[in-house]
């Protein structure tokens, strides 16, 4: 691959990672810019001596794409959709690797009434769809898939990456695939397509909501015991090993301070109303 210096790169910041992406294909570069727009470094302000990770995207005359990171080829002969999927996945991994000072969760998160709502869950639980629905109904977006909390448990931090939603989720949200950049298996939905100006700021955790998607099943949020909430939270903690016993105490304190609920999310209107009511009651 050619050296990255020959193509102008855009600079982005996600949590502790500063990274650059260079792409010489105008149409694909525009798709990439849209996907990462909310992570764009202000004025391309390269922190701490510049990007620590540099990506390079090339497209050959036949339209086949190659993705490289720091001189290493990650993918070649790919479609544009496959490249976008791998690029967003790899950025997420590098963000996690460089942000180990925070406690990281496999979760979504929104800001509601000045407090953070943490929405942990495995793939298929409905957490991304619920996160998107809450944002469309007025909550501020913190992040999806990878949530960072300060090591003392005091703040949830914004990492406003695009949400990866499948077409079924887009349908129930009343959105078209054009709301984002199409990947091979999902659509990377830009935040302004959910609601303009919806990006949130760092906030104090206020509630934990553990969604579960069961077709045709919706209901009121079910309060969880502290023990059950801690077990579920541990299941969705990415890097507890980096924080040891101190991290476990922080999580135990989190479930002590914040009410936790299990919630069926088949009906998004009911689910969003239930979250808002639960957070209001917690306040």
C-alpha atoms as a PDB file:
ATOM      1  CA  UNK A   1       0.000   0.000   0.000  1.00  0.00           C
ATOM      2  CA  UNK A   2       1.128   3.562  -0.603  1.00  0.00           C
ATOM      3  CA  UNK A   3       2.242   5.693   2.290  1.00  0.00           C
ATOM      4  CA  UNK A   4      -0.579   7.547   3.993  1.00  0.00           C
ATOM      5  CA  UNK A   5       1.132  10.904   3.535  1.00  0.00           C
ATOM      6  CA  UNK A   6       0.140  10.990  -0.136  1.00  0.00           C
ATOM      7  CA  UNK A   7      -3.577  11.243   0.666  1.00  0.00           C
ATOM      8  CA  UNK A   8      -5.112  13.855   2.952  1.00  0.00           C
ATOM      9  CA  UNK A   9      -6.390  12.247   6.169  1.00  0.00           C
ATOM     10  CA  UNK A  10      -9.248  13.227   8.433  1.00  0.00           C
ATOM     11  CA  UNK A  11      -8.601  13.102  12.167  1.00  0.00           C
ATOM     12  CA  UNK A  12     -11.064  11.726  14.731  1.00  0.00           C
ATOM     13  CA  UNK A  13     -11.141  11.240  18.490  1.00  0.00           C
ATOM     14  CA  UNK A  14     -12.968   8.483  20.378  1.00  0.00           C
ATOM     15  CA  UNK A  15     -12.453   8.384  24.152  1.00  0.00           C
ATOM     16  CA  UNK A  16      -8.651   8.003  24.569  1.00  0.00           C
ATOM     17  CA  UNK A  17      -7.924   7.242  20.901  1.00  0.00           C
ATOM     18  CA  UNK A  18      -6.908   9.790  18.283  1.00  0.00           C
ATOM     19  CA  UNK A  19      -6.982   8.218  14.822  1.00  0.00           C
ATOM     20  CA  UNK A  20      -6.746   9.285  11.188  1.00  0.00           C
ATOM     21  CA  UNK A  21      -8.431   7.870   8.097  1.00  0.00           C
ATOM     22  CA  UNK A  22      -7.184   8.577   4.570  1.00  0.00           C
ATOM     23  CA  UNK A  23      -9.233   7.613   1.509  1.00  0.00           C
ATOM     24  CA  UNK A  24      -8.632   8.707  -2.083  1.00  0.00           C
ATOM     25  CA  UNK A  25     -12.076   7.670  -3.374  1.00  0.00           C
ATOM     26  CA  UNK A  26     -14.376  10.669  -2.966  1.00  0.00           C
ATOM     27  CA  UNK A  27     -17.659   8.764  -2.612  1.00  0.00           C
ATOM     28  CA  UNK A  28     -16.297   6.270  -0.084  1.00  0.00           C
ATOM     29  CA  UNK A  29     -14.474   9.047   1.783  1.00  0.00           C
ATOM     30  CA  UNK A  30     -17.800  10.860   2.126  1.00  0.00           C
ATOM     31  CA  UNK A  31     -19.467   7.723   3.529  1.00  0.00           C
ATOM     32  CA  UNK A  32     -16.637   7.326   6.048  1.00  0.00           C
ATOM     33  CA  UNK A  33     -16.859  10.987   6.999  1.00  0.00           C
ATOM     34  CA  UNK A  34     -20.592  10.602   7.674  1.00  0.00           C
ATOM     35  CA  UNK A  35     -20.090   7.504   9.834  1.00  0.00           C
ATOM     36  CA  UNK A  36     -17.443   9.191  12.012  1.00  0.00           C
ATOM     37  CA  UNK A  37     -18.686  12.799  11.790  1.00  0.00           C
ATOM     38  CA  UNK A  38     -19.530  13.077  15.500  1.00  0.00           C
ATOM     39  CA  UNK A  39     -15.979  11.966  16.378  1.00  0.00           C
ATOM     40  CA  UNK A  40     -14.257  14.537  14.168  1.00  0.00           C
ATOM     41  CA  UNK A  41     -11.437  16.340  15.967  1.00  0.00           C
ATOM     42  CA  UNK A  42     -12.256  20.042  16.249  1.00  0.00           C
ATOM     43  CA  UNK A  43     -10.246  21.811  13.579  1.00  0.00           C
ATOM     44  CA  UNK A  44      -8.327  18.561  13.023  1.00  0.00           C
ATOM     45  CA  UNK A  45      -6.668  19.255  16.368  1.00  0.00           C
ATOM     46  CA  UNK A  46      -4.295  16.314  16.706  1.00  0.00           C
ATOM     47  CA  UNK A  47      -3.893  15.627  20.414  1.00  0.00           C
ATOM     48  CA  UNK A  48      -0.757  14.339  22.131  1.00  0.00           C
ATOM     49  CA  UNK A  49       1.506  14.601  19.107  1.00  0.00           C
ATOM     50  CA  UNK A  50      -0.964  13.369  16.509  1.00  0.00           C
ATOM     51  CA  UNK A  51      -3.013  10.257  15.759  1.00  0.00           C
ATOM     52  CA  UNK A  52      -1.745   7.072  17.358  1.00  0.00           C
ATOM     53  CA  UNK A  53      -3.512   4.954  14.721  1.00  0.00           C
ATOM     54  CA  UNK A  54      -3.641   5.675  10.985  1.00  0.00           C
ATOM     55  CA  UNK A  55      -5.966   3.945   8.539  1.00  0.00           C
ATOM     56  CA  UNK A  56      -5.609   3.956   4.774  1.00  0.00           C
ATOM     57  CA  UNK A  57      -8.384   3.032   2.331  1.00  0.00           C
ATOM     58  CA  UNK A  58      -7.679   2.338  -1.355  1.00  0.00           C
ATOM     59  CA  UNK A  59     -10.130   1.478  -4.133  1.00  0.00           C
ATOM     60  CA  UNK A  60      -8.902  -0.151  -7.356  1.00  0.00           C
ATOM     61  CA  UNK A  61     -10.434   0.503 -10.822  1.00  0.00           C
ATOM     62  CA  UNK A  62     -12.716  -2.521 -10.398  1.00  0.00           C
ATOM     63  CA  UNK A  63     -14.132  -1.074  -7.173  1.00  0.00           C
ATOM     64  CA  UNK A  64     -12.401  -3.540  -4.840  1.00  0.00           C
ATOM     65  CA  UNK A  65     -11.338  -2.013  -1.528  1.00  0.00           C
ATOM     66  CA  UNK A  66      -8.259  -2.425   0.619  1.00  0.00           C
ATOM     67  CA  UNK A  67      -8.032  -1.354   4.258  1.00  0.00           C
ATOM     68  CA  UNK A  68      -4.735  -0.849   6.037  1.00  0.00           C
ATOM     69  CA  UNK A  69      -3.811   0.169   9.554  1.00  0.00           C
ATOM     70  CA  UNK A  70      -0.358   1.568  10.339  1.00  0.00           C
ATOM     71  CA  UNK A  71       1.089  -0.050   7.227  1.00  0.00           C
ATOM     72  CA  UNK A  72      -0.517  -3.458   7.804  1.00  0.00           C
ATOM     73  CA  UNK A  73      -3.179  -4.706   5.387  1.00  0.00           C
ATOM     74  CA  UNK A  74      -6.334  -5.715   7.269  1.00  0.00           C
ATOM     75  CA  UNK A  75      -8.618  -6.442   4.306  1.00  0.00           C
ATOM     76  CA  UNK A  76      -8.282  -6.613   0.543  1.00  0.00           C
ATOM     77  CA  UNK A  77     -10.585  -7.321  -2.372  1.00  0.00           C
ATOM     78  CA  UNK A  78     -13.572  -6.194  -0.318  1.00  0.00           C
ATOM     79  CA  UNK A  79     -16.791  -4.462  -1.223  1.00  0.00           C
ATOM     80  CA  UNK A  80     -17.399  -0.957   0.089  1.00  0.00           C
ATOM     81  CA  UNK A  81     -19.976  -2.290   2.552  1.00  0.00           C
ATOM     82  CA  UNK A  82     -17.536  -4.882   3.899  1.00  0.00           C
ATOM     83  CA  UNK A  83     -14.858  -2.240   4.292  1.00  0.00           C
ATOM     84  CA  UNK A  84     -17.133   0.099   6.254  1.00  0.00           C
ATOM     85  CA  UNK A  85     -18.101  -2.764   8.591  1.00  0.00           C
ATOM     86  CA  UNK A  86     -14.497  -3.766   9.282  1.00  0.00           C
ATOM     87  CA  UNK A  87     -13.302  -0.183   9.678  1.00  0.00           C
ATOM     88  CA  UNK A  88     -15.971   0.640  12.260  1.00  0.00           C
ATOM     89  CA  UNK A  89     -15.328  -2.654  14.092  1.00  0.00           C
ATOM     90  CA  UNK A  90     -11.570  -2.108  14.175  1.00  0.00           C
ATOM     91  CA  UNK A  91     -11.903   1.477  15.399  1.00  0.00           C
ATOM     92  CA  UNK A  92     -14.120   0.195  18.208  1.00  0.00           C
ATOM     93  CA  UNK A  93     -11.469  -2.371  19.158  1.00  0.00           C
ATOM     94  CA  UNK A  94      -8.681   0.215  19.138  1.00  0.00           C
ATOM     95  CA  UNK A  95     -10.802   2.579  21.254  1.00  0.00           C
ATOM     96  CA  UNK A  96     -11.324  -0.206  23.791  1.00  0.00           C
ATOM     97  CA  UNK A  97      -7.623  -1.061  23.802  1.00  0.00           C
ATOM     98  CA  UNK A  98      -6.552   2.526  24.465  1.00  0.00           C
ATOM     99  CA  UNK A  99      -9.283   3.372  26.995  1.00  0.00           C
ATOM    100  CA  UNK A 100      -8.593   0.689  29.611  1.00  0.00           C
ATOM    101  CA  UNK A 101      -8.247   3.367  32.305  1.00  0.00           C
ATOM    102  CA  UNK A 102     -12.058   3.515  32.180  1.00  0.00           C
ATOM    103  CA  UNK A 103     -14.445   0.698  33.047  1.00  0.00           C
ATOM    104  CA  UNK A 104     -15.945  -0.453  29.755  1.00  0.00           C
ATOM    105  CA  UNK A 105     -19.316  -2.095  29.154  1.00  0.00           C
ATOM    106  CA  UNK A 106     -20.976  -3.849  26.233  1.00  0.00           C
ATOM    107  CA  UNK A 107     -23.950  -1.511  26.371  1.00  0.00           C
ATOM    108  CA  UNK A 108     -25.736   1.524  25.029  1.00  0.00           C
ATOM    109  CA  UNK A 109     -26.142   4.728  27.002  1.00  0.00           C
ATOM    110  CA  UNK A 110     -28.265   7.862  26.868  1.00  0.00           C
ATOM    111  CA  UNK A 111     -28.598  10.981  28.966  1.00  0.00           C
ATOM    112  CA  UNK A 112     -32.088  11.574  30.286  1.00  0.00           C
ATOM    113  CA  UNK A 113     -32.950  14.448  32.592  1.00  0.00           C
ATOM    114  CA  UNK A 114     -29.273  15.148  33.220  1.00  0.00           C
ATOM    115  CA  UNK A 115     -28.527  11.585  34.323  1.00  0.00           C
ATOM    116  CA  UNK A 116     -27.096   8.647  32.451  1.00  0.00           C
ATOM    117  CA  UNK A 117     -29.068   5.519  31.647  1.00  0.00           C
ATOM    118  CA  UNK A 118     -26.819   2.504  31.083  1.00  0.00           C
ATOM    119  CA  UNK A 119     -28.364  -0.166  28.809  1.00  0.00           C
ATOM    120  CA  UNK A 120     -26.192  -3.308  28.938  1.00  0.00           C
ATOM    121  CA  UNK A 121     -26.984  -6.381  26.888  1.00  0.00           C
ATOM    122  CA  UNK A 122     -25.673  -9.080  24.614  1.00  0.00           C
ATOM    123  CA  UNK A 123     -26.133  -8.897  20.852  1.00  0.00           C
ATOM    124  CA  UNK A 124     -29.788  -9.427  19.965  1.00  0.00           C
ATOM    125  CA  UNK A 125     -31.127  -8.142  23.284  1.00  0.00           C
ATOM    126  CA  UNK A 126     -32.512  -4.976  21.679  1.00  0.00           C
ATOM    127  CA  UNK A 127     -30.125  -2.542  23.391  1.00  0.00           C
ATOM    128  CA  UNK A 128     -29.129  -0.696  20.204  1.00  0.00           C
ATOM    129  CA  UNK A 129     -32.730  -0.372  19.031  1.00  0.00           C
ATOM    130  CA  UNK A 130     -33.858   0.828  22.474  1.00  0.00           C
ATOM    131  CA  UNK A 131     -30.967   3.310  22.618  1.00  0.00           C
ATOM    132  CA  UNK A 132     -31.913   4.689  19.197  1.00  0.00           C
ATOM    133  CA  UNK A 133     -35.606   4.894  20.128  1.00  0.00           C
ATOM    134  CA  UNK A 134     -34.849   6.832  23.319  1.00  0.00           C
ATOM    135  CA  UNK A 135     -32.736   9.311  21.351  1.00  0.00           C
ATOM    136  CA  UNK A 136     -35.494   9.781  18.779  1.00  0.00           C
ATOM    137  CA  UNK A 137     -37.863  10.556  21.643  1.00  0.00           C
ATOM    138  CA  UNK A 138     -35.692  13.245  23.225  1.00  0.00           C
ATOM    139  CA  UNK A 139     -32.867  11.608  25.175  1.00  0.00           C
ATOM    140  CA  UNK A 140     -29.294  12.616  24.398  1.00  0.00           C
ATOM    141  CA  UNK A 141     -27.014  10.008  22.843  1.00  0.00           C
ATOM    142  CA  UNK A 142     -23.844   8.959  24.638  1.00  0.00           C
ATOM    143  CA  UNK A 143     -22.879   5.817  22.751  1.00  0.00           C
ATOM    144  CA  UNK A 144     -23.724   2.275  21.711  1.00  0.00           C
ATOM    145  CA  UNK A 145     -21.860  -1.045  21.915  1.00  0.00           C
ATOM    146  CA  UNK A 146     -18.973   0.341  24.027  1.00  0.00           C
ATOM    147  CA  UNK A 147     -19.769   2.495  27.067  1.00  0.00           C
ATOM    148  CA  UNK A 148     -16.966   4.016  29.151  1.00  0.00           C
ATOM    149  CA  UNK A 149     -17.409   4.906  32.811  1.00  0.00           C
ATOM    150  CA  UNK A 150     -14.748   6.690  34.809  1.00  0.00           C
ATOM    151  CA  UNK A 151     -12.805   4.337  37.059  1.00  0.00           C
ATOM    152  CA  UNK A 152     -14.436   5.800  40.174  1.00  0.00           C
ATOM    153  CA  UNK A 153     -17.915   5.148  38.770  1.00  0.00           C
ATOM    154  CA  UNK A 154     -18.805   8.824  38.817  1.00  0.00           C
ATOM    155  CA  UNK A 155     -19.403   9.595  35.139  1.00  0.00           C
ATOM    156  CA  UNK A 156     -20.547   7.972  31.906  1.00  0.00           C
ATOM    157  CA  UNK A 157     -18.512   9.378  29.024  1.00  0.00           C
ATOM    158  CA  UNK A 158     -19.709  10.256  25.516  1.00  0.00           C
ATOM    159  CA  UNK A 159     -18.397   8.197  22.593  1.00  0.00           C
ATOM    160  CA  UNK A 160     -20.949   9.216  19.950  1.00  0.00           C
ATOM    161  CA  UNK A 161     -20.174   6.666  17.248  1.00  0.00           C
ATOM    162  CA  UNK A 162     -22.747   5.781  14.607  1.00  0.00           C
ATOM    163  CA  UNK A 163     -25.217   3.072  15.633  1.00  0.00           C
ATOM    164  CA  UNK A 164     -25.196  -0.187  13.676  1.00  0.00           C
ATOM    165  CA  UNK A 165     -28.842  -1.179  13.122  1.00  0.00           C
ATOM    166  CA  UNK A 166     -30.362  -3.888  10.963  1.00  0.00           C
ATOM    167  CA  UNK A 167     -33.231  -3.178   8.595  1.00  0.00           C
ATOM    168  CA  UNK A 168     -35.812  -4.641  10.991  1.00  0.00           C
ATOM    169  CA  UNK A 169     -34.733  -2.168  13.657  1.00  0.00           C
ATOM    170  CA  UNK A 170     -34.817   0.692  11.156  1.00  0.00           C
ATOM    171  CA  UNK A 171     -38.346  -0.328  10.218  1.00  0.00           C
ATOM    172  CA  UNK A 172     -39.676  -0.297  13.778  1.00  0.00           C
ATOM    173  CA  UNK A 173     -37.946   3.052  14.323  1.00  0.00           C
ATOM    174  CA  UNK A 174     -39.703   4.457  11.238  1.00  0.00           C
ATOM    175  CA  UNK A 175     -36.405   5.134   9.463  1.00  0.00           C
ATOM    176  CA  UNK A 176     -35.137   4.436   5.954  1.00  0.00           C
ATOM    177  CA  UNK A 177     -31.787   2.725   5.131  1.00  0.00           C
ATOM    178  CA  UNK A 178     -30.642   6.055   3.677  1.00  0.00           C
ATOM    179  CA  UNK A 179     -30.393   7.372   7.238  1.00  0.00           C
ATOM    180  CA  UNK A 180     -26.880   5.980   7.373  1.00  0.00           C
ATOM    181  CA  UNK A 181     -24.102   4.233   5.530  1.00  0.00           C
ATOM    182  CA  UNK A 182     -24.930   0.701   4.471  1.00  0.00           C
ATOM    183  CA  UNK A 183     -22.594  -2.025   5.662  1.00  0.00           C
ATOM    184  CA  UNK A 184     -22.659  -5.685   4.664  1.00  0.00           C
ATOM    185  CA  UNK A 185     -24.826  -6.699   7.621  1.00  0.00           C
ATOM    186  CA  UNK A 186     -26.231  -3.469   9.013  1.00  0.00           C
ATOM    187  CA  UNK A 187     -26.706   0.237   8.442  1.00  0.00           C
ATOM    188  CA  UNK A 188     -24.408   2.623  10.322  1.00  0.00           C
ATOM    189  CA  UNK A 189     -26.863   5.312  11.367  1.00  0.00           C
ATOM    190  CA  UNK A 190     -25.524   8.814  11.928  1.00  0.00           C
ATOM    191  CA  UNK A 191     -26.694  10.531  15.102  1.00  0.00           C
ATOM    192  CA  UNK A 192     -28.283  13.550  13.430  1.00  0.00           C
ATOM    193  CA  UNK A 193     -30.524  11.139  11.512  1.00  0.00           C
ATOM    194  CA  UNK A 194     -31.972  10.012  14.839  1.00  0.00           C
ATOM    195  CA  UNK A 195     -32.457  13.560  16.069  1.00  0.00           C
ATOM    196  CA  UNK A 196     -30.435  16.675  15.145  1.00  0.00           C
ATOM    197  CA  UNK A 197     -28.131  17.860  17.913  1.00  0.00           C
ATOM    198  CA  UNK A 198     -28.726  14.753  20.020  1.00  0.00           C
ATOM    199  CA  UNK A 199     -25.152  14.179  21.221  1.00  0.00           C
ATOM    200  CA  UNK A 200     -24.937  14.157  25.016  1.00  0.00           C
ATOM    201  CA  UNK A 201     -22.235  15.076  27.508  1.00  0.00           C
ATOM    202  CA  UNK A 202     -20.567  13.252  30.404  1.00  0.00           C
ATOM    203  CA  UNK A 203     -23.093  12.616  33.158  1.00  0.00           C
ATOM    204  CA  UNK A 204     -23.662  10.810  36.429  1.00  0.00           C
ATOM    205  CA  UNK A 205     -25.131   7.292  36.119  1.00  0.00           C
ATOM    206  CA  UNK A 206     -28.770   7.346  37.183  1.00  0.00           C
ATOM    207  CA  UNK A 207     -30.292   3.988  36.210  1.00  0.00           C
ATOM    208  CA  UNK A 208     -29.519   0.584  34.726  1.00  0.00           C
ATOM    209  CA  UNK A 209     -31.882  -0.973  32.192  1.00  0.00           C
ATOM    210  CA  UNK A 210     -31.278  -4.539  31.004  1.00  0.00           C
ATOM    211  CA  UNK A 211     -33.340  -5.063  27.835  1.00  0.00           C
ATOM    212  CA  UNK A 212     -34.486  -8.356  26.397  1.00  0.00           C
ATOM    213  CA  UNK A 213     -36.187  -8.756  23.049  1.00  0.00           C
ATOM    214  CA  UNK A 214     -38.974 -11.321  22.972  1.00  0.00           C
ATOM    215  CA  UNK A 215     -41.283 -10.937  19.950  1.00  0.00           C
ATOM    216  CA  UNK A 216     -44.724  -9.784  20.991  1.00  0.00           C
ATOM    217  CA  UNK A 217     -43.785  -9.363  24.659  1.00  0.00           C
ATOM    218  CA  UNK A 218     -43.711  -5.944  26.313  1.00  0.00           C
ATOM    219  CA  UNK A 219     -44.461  -4.772  29.783  1.00  0.00           C
ATOM    220  CA  UNK A 220     -43.523  -2.609  32.707  1.00  0.00           C
ATOM    221  CA  UNK A 221     -39.894  -2.595  33.845  1.00  0.00           C
ATOM    222  CA  UNK A 222     -39.250  -5.220  36.507  1.00  0.00           C
ATOM    223  CA  UNK A 223     -37.075  -4.035  39.409  1.00  0.00           C
ATOM    224  CA  UNK A 224     -34.003  -6.221  39.890  1.00  0.00           C
ATOM    225  CA  UNK A 225     -32.279  -7.142  43.121  1.00  0.00           C
ATOM    226  CA  UNK A 226     -28.816  -5.689  43.609  1.00  0.00           C
ATOM    227  CA  UNK A 227     -27.320  -9.171  43.339  1.00  0.00           C
ATOM    228  CA  UNK A 228     -29.049  -9.907  40.018  1.00  0.00           C
ATOM    229  CA  UNK A 229     -28.143  -6.474  38.644  1.00  0.00           C
ATOM    230  CA  UNK A 230     -24.495  -6.909  39.615  1.00  0.00           C
ATOM    231  CA  UNK A 231     -24.339 -10.334  37.979  1.00  0.00           C
ATOM    232  CA  UNK A 232     -25.834  -8.998  34.744  1.00  0.00           C
ATOM    233  CA  UNK A 233     -23.512  -5.983  34.818  1.00  0.00           C
ATOM    234  CA  UNK A 234     -20.456  -8.199  35.326  1.00  0.00           C
ATOM    235  CA  UNK A 235     -21.553 -10.302  32.340  1.00  0.00           C
ATOM    236  CA  UNK A 236     -21.451  -7.165  30.180  1.00  0.00           C
ATOM    237  CA  UNK A 237     -18.256  -5.618  31.565  1.00  0.00           C
ATOM    238  CA  UNK A 238     -15.484  -5.698  28.959  1.00  0.00           C
ATOM    239  CA  UNK A 239     -12.333  -5.057  30.991  1.00  0.00           C
ATOM    240  CA  UNK A 240     -12.906  -5.840  34.651  1.00  0.00           C
ATOM    241  CA  UNK A 241      -9.520  -7.567  34.698  1.00  0.00           C
ATOM    242  CA  UNK A 242      -7.846  -4.173  34.166  1.00  0.00           C
ATOM    243  CA  UNK A 243      -9.392  -2.864  37.394  1.00  0.00           C
ATOM    244  CA  UNK A 244      -9.259  -5.867  39.734  1.00  0.00           C
ATOM    245  CA  UNK A 245     -10.970  -5.838  43.100  1.00  0.00           C
ATOM    246  CA  UNK A 246     -11.314  -2.065  42.993  1.00  0.00           C
ATOM    247  CA  UNK A 247     -13.346  -2.321  39.819  1.00  0.00           C
ATOM    248  CA  UNK A 248     -15.647  -4.888  41.372  1.00  0.00           C
ATOM    249  CA  UNK A 249     -16.257  -2.575  44.323  1.00  0.00           C
ATOM    250  CA  UNK A 250     -17.074   0.277  41.935  1.00  0.00           C
ATOM    251  CA  UNK A 251     -19.661  -1.891  40.152  1.00  0.00           C
ATOM    252  CA  UNK A 252     -21.147  -3.015  43.464  1.00  0.00           C
ATOM    253  CA  UNK A 253     -21.450   0.629  44.475  1.00  0.00           C
ATOM    254  CA  UNK A 254     -23.036   1.443  41.103  1.00  0.00           C
ATOM    255  CA  UNK A 255     -25.877  -1.061  41.576  1.00  0.00           C
ATOM    256  CA  UNK A 256     -26.271   0.199  45.140  1.00  0.00           C
ATOM    257  CA  UNK A 257     -26.749   3.784  43.935  1.00  0.00           C
ATOM    258  CA  UNK A 258     -28.709   3.203  40.743  1.00  0.00           C
ATOM    259  CA  UNK A 259     -32.029   1.375  40.403  1.00  0.00           C
ATOM    260  CA  UNK A 260     -31.885  -1.510  37.939  1.00  0.00           C
ATOM    261  CA  UNK A 261     -34.676  -2.919  35.800  1.00  0.00           C
ATOM    262  CA  UNK A 262     -35.262  -5.781  33.392  1.00  0.00           C
ATOM    263  CA  UNK A 263     -37.352  -4.660  30.445  1.00  0.00           C
ATOM    264  CA  UNK A 264     -39.003  -6.427  27.499  1.00  0.00           C
ATOM    265  CA  UNK A 265     -38.683  -4.201  24.418  1.00  0.00           C
ATOM    266  CA  UNK A 266     -40.910  -5.651  21.687  1.00  0.00           C
ATOM    267  CA  UNK A 267     -43.019  -2.450  21.703  1.00  0.00           C
ATOM    268  CA  UNK A 268     -40.639   0.525  21.558  1.00  0.00           C
ATOM    269  CA  UNK A 269     -43.216   3.133  22.533  1.00  0.00           C
ATOM    270  CA  UNK A 270     -44.068   1.225  25.691  1.00  0.00           C
ATOM    271  CA  UNK A 271     -40.399   0.509  26.398  1.00  0.00           C
ATOM    272  CA  UNK A 272     -39.368   4.164  26.057  1.00  0.00           C
ATOM    273  CA  UNK A 273     -42.254   5.306  28.273  1.00  0.00           C
ATOM    274  CA  UNK A 274     -41.243   2.715  30.839  1.00  0.00           C
ATOM    275  CA  UNK A 275     -37.609   3.872  30.879  1.00  0.00           C
ATOM    276  CA  UNK A 276     -38.588   7.517  31.230  1.00  0.00           C
ATOM    277  CA  UNK A 277     -41.006   6.693  34.050  1.00  0.00           C
ATOM    278  CA  UNK A 278     -38.439   4.533  35.833  1.00  0.00           C
ATOM    279  CA  UNK A 279     -35.742   7.209  35.635  1.00  0.00           C
ATOM    280  CA  UNK A 280     -38.223   9.840  36.824  1.00  0.00           C
ATOM    281  CA  UNK A 281     -39.177   7.697  39.802  1.00  0.00           C
ATOM    282  CA  UNK A 282     -35.509   7.102  40.589  1.00  0.00           C
ATOM    283  CA  UNK A 283     -34.990  10.872  40.804  1.00  0.00           C
END
